[in-house]
Amino acid sequence: MIAVSASDEDIRTAELVKIEAAVQILPIFADYDQDRMTVVSQIVFDLFEQEDGLDALFGLVREALPERLYETAYALACDVAAADGTLDEAELRLLEEIRYELNLDRLHAAAIERGARARHLT
């Protein structure tokens, strides 16, 4: 979620609110130490500054996240991307990369994207 928000180099309030709400409300984060958010954010920012940082980021994601939660992770990334009502090129490219790196079925990903779009229409 943090990577999608930071991908366009403009972390918007709506995106931060979406991330915070997800971490506070969703059952998937029930045992998550919210104090880790600052550390995780700094790791993402540091990796984005490195040449192979995105590859390293996906390595960390695959290491930390069970495969059964890949679609959930993608859904949360889509929600963050859609939270401010706009999707710029950098966010779209990162979402595409997430789909590829997590080996998500294109049809399933399209359904997830459509749901995020529907939830964030004004």
C-alpha atoms as a PDB file:
ATOM      1  CA  MET A   1       0.000   0.000   0.000  1.00  0.00           C
ATOM      2  CA  ILE A   2       2.794   2.378   0.883  1.00  0.00           C
ATOM      3  CA  ALA A   3       4.640   1.663  -2.348  1.00  0.00           C
ATOM      4  CA  VAL A   4       1.582   2.473  -4.458  1.00  0.00           C
ATOM      5  CA  SER A   5       1.051   5.709  -2.574  1.00  0.00           C
ATOM      6  CA  ALA A   6       4.693   6.713  -2.973  1.00  0.00           C
ATOM      7  CA  SER A   7       4.999   5.567  -6.601  1.00  0.00           C
ATOM      8  CA  ASP A   8       3.988   8.926  -8.040  1.00  0.00           C
ATOM      9  CA  GLU A   9       6.190  10.840  -5.577  1.00  0.00           C
ATOM     10  CA  ASP A  10       3.072  12.532  -4.202  1.00  0.00           C
ATOM     11  CA  ILE A  11       1.692  10.849  -1.118  1.00  0.00           C
ATOM     12  CA  ARG A  12      -1.804  12.256  -0.779  1.00  0.00           C
ATOM     13  CA  THR A  13      -3.826  12.541   2.408  1.00  0.00           C
ATOM     14  CA  ALA A  14      -6.613  10.362   0.986  1.00  0.00           C
ATOM     15  CA  GLU A  15      -4.086   7.585   0.366  1.00  0.00           C
ATOM     16  CA  LEU A  16      -2.677   7.833   3.893  1.00  0.00           C
ATOM     17  CA  VAL A  17      -6.172   7.758   5.364  1.00  0.00           C
ATOM     18  CA  LYS A  18      -6.979   4.667   3.290  1.00  0.00           C
ATOM     19  CA  ILE A  19      -3.822   2.897   4.495  1.00  0.00           C
ATOM     20  CA  GLU A  20      -4.460   3.824   8.132  1.00  0.00           C
ATOM     21  CA  ALA A  21      -8.096   2.719   7.944  1.00  0.00           C
ATOM     22  CA  ALA A  22      -7.149  -0.609   6.379  1.00  0.00           C
ATOM     23  CA  VAL A  23      -4.564  -1.322   9.060  1.00  0.00           C
ATOM     24  CA  GLN A  24      -6.937  -0.346  11.860  1.00  0.00           C
ATOM     25  CA  ILE A  25     -10.078  -2.081  10.588  1.00  0.00           C
ATOM     26  CA  LEU A  26      -9.343  -5.101   8.410  1.00  0.00           C
ATOM     27  CA  PRO A  27      -9.043  -8.523  10.050  1.00  0.00           C
ATOM     28  CA  ILE A  28      -5.894  -9.279   8.059  1.00  0.00           C
ATOM     29  CA  PHE A  29      -4.093  -6.673  10.188  1.00  0.00           C
ATOM     30  CA  ALA A  30      -5.494  -7.833  13.539  1.00  0.00           C
ATOM     31  CA  ASP A  31      -2.063  -8.896  14.815  1.00  0.00           C
ATOM     32  CA  TYR A  32      -0.083  -6.219  12.995  1.00  0.00           C
ATOM     33  CA  ASP A  33       1.995  -3.878  15.145  1.00  0.00           C
ATOM     34  CA  GLN A  34       0.933  -0.442  13.896  1.00  0.00           C
ATOM     35  CA  ASP A  35       4.173   1.041  15.191  1.00  0.00           C
ATOM     36  CA  ARG A  36       5.921  -0.804  12.334  1.00  0.00           C
ATOM     37  CA  MET A  37       4.282   1.492   9.772  1.00  0.00           C
ATOM     38  CA  THR A  38       7.020   4.104  10.116  1.00  0.00           C
ATOM     39  CA  VAL A  39       9.758   1.508   9.668  1.00  0.00           C
ATOM     40  CA  VAL A  40       8.017  -0.107   6.699  1.00  0.00           C
ATOM     41  CA  SER A  41       7.482   3.297   5.095  1.00  0.00           C
ATOM     42  CA  GLN A  42      11.152   4.163   5.438  1.00  0.00           C
ATOM     43  CA  ILE A  43      12.171   0.826   3.914  1.00  0.00           C
ATOM     44  CA  VAL A  44       9.909   1.466   0.916  1.00  0.00           C
ATOM     45  CA  PHE A  45      11.281   4.995   0.450  1.00  0.00           C
ATOM     46  CA  ASP A  46      14.862   3.729   0.717  1.00  0.00           C
ATOM     47  CA  LEU A  47      14.225   0.949  -1.798  1.00  0.00           C
ATOM     48  CA  PHE A  48      12.645   3.379  -4.267  1.00  0.00           C
ATOM     49  CA  GLU A  49      15.920   5.317  -4.260  1.00  0.00           C
ATOM     50  CA  GLN A  50      17.954   2.244  -5.274  1.00  0.00           C
ATOM     51  CA  GLU A  51      18.424   1.019  -8.809  1.00  0.00           C
ATOM     52  CA  ASP A  52      17.129  -2.497  -8.087  1.00  0.00           C
ATOM     53  CA  GLY A  53      14.916  -1.392  -5.229  1.00  0.00           C
ATOM     54  CA  LEU A  54      11.657  -2.492  -6.766  1.00  0.00           C
ATOM     55  CA  ASP A  55      12.981  -6.025  -7.230  1.00  0.00           C
ATOM     56  CA  ALA A  56      14.113  -6.009  -3.608  1.00  0.00           C
ATOM     57  CA  LEU A  57      10.712  -4.743  -2.496  1.00  0.00           C
ATOM     58  CA  PHE A  58       8.914  -7.559  -4.291  1.00  0.00           C
ATOM     59  CA  GLY A  59      11.343 -10.034  -2.786  1.00  0.00           C
ATOM     60  CA  LEU A  60      10.442  -8.774   0.677  1.00  0.00           C
ATOM     61  CA  VAL A  61       6.731  -8.913  -0.126  1.00  0.00           C
ATOM     62  CA  ARG A  62       6.899 -12.500  -1.388  1.00  0.00           C
ATOM     63  CA  GLU A  63       8.976 -13.485   1.649  1.00  0.00           C
ATOM     64  CA  ALA A  64       6.603 -11.919   4.177  1.00  0.00           C
ATOM     65  CA  LEU A  65       3.241 -12.599   2.537  1.00  0.00           C
ATOM     66  CA  PRO A  66       1.654 -16.033   2.123  1.00  0.00           C
ATOM     67  CA  GLU A  67       0.558 -16.717  -1.447  1.00  0.00           C
ATOM     68  CA  ARG A  68      -3.064 -17.030  -0.333  1.00  0.00           C
ATOM     69  CA  LEU A  69      -2.978 -13.290   0.480  1.00  0.00           C
ATOM     70  CA  TYR A  70      -1.596 -12.068  -2.857  1.00  0.00           C
ATOM     71  CA  GLU A  71      -5.022 -11.082  -4.177  1.00  0.00           C
ATOM     72  CA  THR A  72      -5.786  -9.336  -0.886  1.00  0.00           C
ATOM     73  CA  ALA A  73      -2.545  -7.382  -1.153  1.00  0.00           C
ATOM     74  CA  TYR A  74      -3.410  -6.393  -4.705  1.00  0.00           C
ATOM     75  CA  ALA A  75      -6.910  -5.315  -3.658  1.00  0.00           C
ATOM     76  CA  LEU A  76      -5.456  -3.100  -0.932  1.00  0.00           C
ATOM     77  CA  ALA A  77      -2.947  -1.618  -3.384  1.00  0.00           C
ATOM     78  CA  CYS A  78      -5.770  -0.846  -5.820  1.00  0.00           C
ATOM     79  CA  ASP A  79      -7.810   0.792  -3.065  1.00  0.00           C
ATOM     80  CA  VAL A  80      -4.890   3.039  -2.125  1.00  0.00           C
ATOM     81  CA  ALA A  81      -4.272   3.946  -5.760  1.00  0.00           C
ATOM     82  CA  ALA A  82      -7.936   4.834  -6.259  1.00  0.00           C
ATOM     83  CA  ALA A  83      -8.351   6.643  -2.925  1.00  0.00           C
ATOM     84  CA  ASP A  84      -7.564  10.125  -4.268  1.00  0.00           C
ATOM     85  CA  GLY A  85      -9.817   9.727  -7.309  1.00  0.00           C
ATOM     86  CA  THR A  86      -6.995   9.687  -9.858  1.00  0.00           C
ATOM     87  CA  LEU A  87      -4.595   7.096 -11.170  1.00  0.00           C
ATOM     88  CA  ASP A  88      -1.448   8.446 -12.721  1.00  0.00           C
ATOM     89  CA  GLU A  89       0.977   6.596 -14.951  1.00  0.00           C
ATOM     90  CA  ALA A  90       3.378   5.671 -12.134  1.00  0.00           C
ATOM     91  CA  GLU A  91       0.600   4.109 -10.063  1.00  0.00           C
ATOM     92  CA  LEU A  92      -0.717   2.183 -13.061  1.00  0.00           C
ATOM     93  CA  ARG A  93       2.765   0.873 -13.868  1.00  0.00           C
ATOM     94  CA  LEU A  94       3.311  -0.238 -10.283  1.00  0.00           C
ATOM     95  CA  LEU A  95      -0.053  -1.995 -10.178  1.00  0.00           C
ATOM     96  CA  GLU A  96       0.875  -3.784 -13.403  1.00  0.00           C
ATOM     97  CA  GLU A  97       4.193  -4.805 -11.869  1.00  0.00           C
ATOM     98  CA  ILE A  98       2.431  -6.061  -8.737  1.00  0.00           C
ATOM     99  CA  ARG A  99       0.103  -8.196 -10.884  1.00  0.00           C
ATOM    100  CA  TYR A 100       3.111  -9.657 -12.671  1.00  0.00           C
ATOM    101  CA  GLU A 101       5.296 -10.197  -9.602  1.00  0.00           C
ATOM    102  CA  LEU A 102       2.501 -11.828  -7.609  1.00  0.00           C
ATOM    103  CA  ASN A 103       1.463 -13.891 -10.643  1.00  0.00           C
ATOM    104  CA  LEU A 104      -2.152 -12.796 -10.412  1.00  0.00           C
ATOM    105  CA  ASP A 105      -4.640 -14.055 -12.948  1.00  0.00           C
ATOM    106  CA  ARG A 106      -5.547 -11.170 -15.268  1.00  0.00           C
ATOM    107  CA  LEU A 107      -9.276 -11.783 -14.973  1.00  0.00           C
ATOM    108  CA  HIS A 108      -9.119 -11.820 -11.168  1.00  0.00           C
ATOM    109  CA  ALA A 109      -6.997  -8.663 -11.186  1.00  0.00           C
ATOM    110  CA  ALA A 110      -9.507  -6.936 -13.473  1.00  0.00           C
ATOM    111  CA  ALA A 111     -12.320  -7.787 -11.077  1.00  0.00           C
ATOM    112  CA  ILE A 112     -10.300  -6.421  -8.148  1.00  0.00           C
ATOM    113  CA  GLU A 113      -9.544  -3.238 -10.083  1.00  0.00           C
ATOM    114  CA  ARG A 114     -13.193  -2.803 -11.025  1.00  0.00           C
ATOM    115  CA  GLY A 115     -14.228  -3.170  -7.400  1.00  0.00           C
ATOM    116  CA  ALA A 116     -11.708  -0.538  -6.279  1.00  0.00           C
ATOM    117  CA  ARG A 117     -12.950   1.794  -8.984  1.00  0.00           C
ATOM    118  CA  ALA A 118     -16.564   1.306  -7.939  1.00  0.00           C
ATOM    119  CA  ARG A 119     -15.768   1.961  -4.268  1.00  0.00           C
ATOM    120  CA  HIS A 120     -14.014   5.240  -5.032  1.00  0.00           C
ATOM    121  CA  LEU A 121     -16.270   6.859  -7.624  1.00  0.00           C
ATOM    122  CA  THR A 122     -17.634  10.268  -6.687  1.00  0.00           C
END
